[in-house]
């Protein structure tokens, strides 16, 4: 769904807020991303919201680290899966 309303329009602001995460994660079509950028460039409240969410996303990425499950746990899960499949 492409946004066509103008900046400051309540419906446009709702669309931007509803699709903010989609935009921040690059999951939006090019046309929608362009409309999103045009809106936040002209709407200060949506720009503030987008800036805040982007800062939170960056902070979460910095805090996120990959942790592997212990070998013993992985072995138990594999055994449970094999046991379950043999019962089916």
Protein backbone atom coordinates (compact mmCIF):
# COMPACT_ATOMS: atom_id res chain seq x y z
CA UNK A 1 0.00 0.00 0.00
CA UNK A 2 1.57 3.29 -1.07
CA UNK A 3 1.09 6.42 1.00
CA UNK A 4 -0.31 9.32 -1.00
CA UNK A 5 -1.43 11.82 1.65
CA UNK A 6 0.58 14.94 2.44
CA UNK A 7 2.83 15.54 5.44
CA UNK A 8 0.96 16.57 8.56
CA UNK A 9 -2.16 14.74 7.43
CA UNK A 10 -3.26 12.55 10.35
CA UNK A 11 -3.74 9.53 8.09
CA UNK A 12 -0.23 9.97 6.65
CA UNK A 13 1.27 10.29 10.13
CA UNK A 14 -0.50 7.09 11.21
CA UNK A 15 0.81 5.30 8.11
CA UNK A 16 4.37 6.44 8.86
CA UNK A 17 4.21 5.30 12.49
CA UNK A 18 2.62 1.98 11.50
CA UNK A 19 5.39 1.32 8.94
CA UNK A 20 8.35 2.75 10.86
CA UNK A 21 9.99 -0.58 11.68
CA UNK A 22 9.46 -1.80 8.13
CA UNK A 23 11.29 1.31 6.88
CA UNK A 24 14.11 1.08 9.44
CA UNK A 25 14.78 -2.54 8.53
CA UNK A 26 14.76 -1.97 4.76
CA UNK A 27 11.63 -4.08 4.22
CA UNK A 28 9.66 -1.44 2.33
CA UNK A 29 9.21 -1.10 -1.42
CA UNK A 30 11.20 1.69 -3.06
CA UNK A 31 8.05 3.73 -3.77
CA UNK A 32 6.84 3.44 -0.17
CA UNK A 33 10.32 4.23 1.18
CA UNK A 34 10.45 7.36 -0.99
CA UNK A 35 6.99 8.43 0.25
CA UNK A 36 8.09 7.72 3.82
CA UNK A 37 11.21 9.89 3.39
CA UNK A 38 9.20 12.73 1.84
CA UNK A 39 6.74 12.63 4.72
CA UNK A 40 9.30 12.67 7.53
CA UNK A 41 11.28 15.41 5.77
CA UNK A 42 8.17 17.63 5.94
CA UNK A 43 6.63 16.45 9.25
CA UNK A 44 8.66 17.30 12.33
CA UNK A 45 6.73 15.07 14.74
CA UNK A 46 7.13 12.01 12.50
CA UNK A 47 10.80 12.85 11.96
CA UNK A 48 11.31 13.00 15.74
CA UNK A 49 9.58 9.64 16.15
CA UNK A 50 11.64 8.09 13.35
CA UNK A 51 14.88 9.47 14.83
CA UNK A 52 14.02 8.08 18.26
CA UNK A 53 13.15 4.63 16.89
CA UNK A 54 16.30 4.58 14.77
CA UNK A 55 18.39 5.39 17.86
CA UNK A 56 16.73 2.59 19.81
CA UNK A 57 17.30 0.15 16.93
CA UNK A 58 21.00 1.12 16.76
CA UNK A 59 21.38 0.67 20.53
CA UNK A 60 19.73 -2.75 20.40
CA UNK A 61 22.02 -3.85 17.57
CA UNK A 62 25.07 -2.82 19.61
CA UNK A 63 23.79 -4.81 22.60
CA UNK A 64 22.79 -7.86 20.59
CA UNK A 65 25.38 -10.57 20.51
CA UNK A 66 25.12 -14.06 19.20
CA UNK A 67 25.20 -16.73 21.87
CA UNK A 68 25.38 -20.38 20.89
CA UNK A 69 23.46 -22.95 22.85
CA UNK A 70 25.69 -25.21 24.95
CA UNK A 71 26.66 -28.45 23.24
CA UNK A 72 24.85 -30.53 25.88
CA UNK A 73 21.57 -28.68 25.22
CA UNK A 74 21.92 -29.05 21.45
CA UNK A 75 22.57 -32.78 21.87
CA UNK A 76 19.49 -33.18 24.07
CA UNK A 77 17.31 -31.34 21.56
CA UNK A 78 18.57 -33.49 18.70
CA UNK A 79 17.90 -36.62 20.73
CA UNK A 80 14.38 -35.40 21.58
CA UNK A 81 13.72 -34.71 17.89
CA UNK A 82 14.97 -38.16 16.85
CA UNK A 83 12.89 -39.79 19.59
CA UNK A 84 9.78 -37.84 18.56
CA UNK A 85 10.22 -38.76 14.88
CA UNK A 86 10.58 -42.45 15.69
CA UNK A 87 7.30 -42.37 17.64
CA UNK A 88 5.36 -40.72 14.82
